[in-house]
Amino acid sequence: MTDQLPCKILEDLAPVLDRLKRLGLTPLAGPYDAACFGNYIAMLSSDTIGWEITRERGQYILRGLSLTQESAVTPKVFHDLDTLVEVIESYNPRHTDATRES
């Protein structure tokens, strides 16, 4: 899962990477801008949904798009990654109670 993401994005997402992998998510892209407050966009995808995690000035913005139903998840803003991943888990069809054990 991690070979397509720049090191700085991996460092930031490290606390939640295992949970995202258990949900079957893989990266599609990951631009990082050190000159712009360390902002980044990490795009992840599973069989049924695509996620865009934007880090901007210490906040995380989550956008999701169903790949099977042509519906979008309303963008949400988070101050921590754990809460953001809980939202991803609630939308992911592979979610089980085991994914919350991390």
Foldseek 3Di string as FASTA:
>chain_A
DPPAEDPLVCVQCVVCVVLCVLLQKDWDHKDFDVVQCGWMWTWIDHPFKIWIWTAHNQKTWIKMATPPPRDIDPIDIGNDVVVVSVVVLVPRPSRDPVSNVD
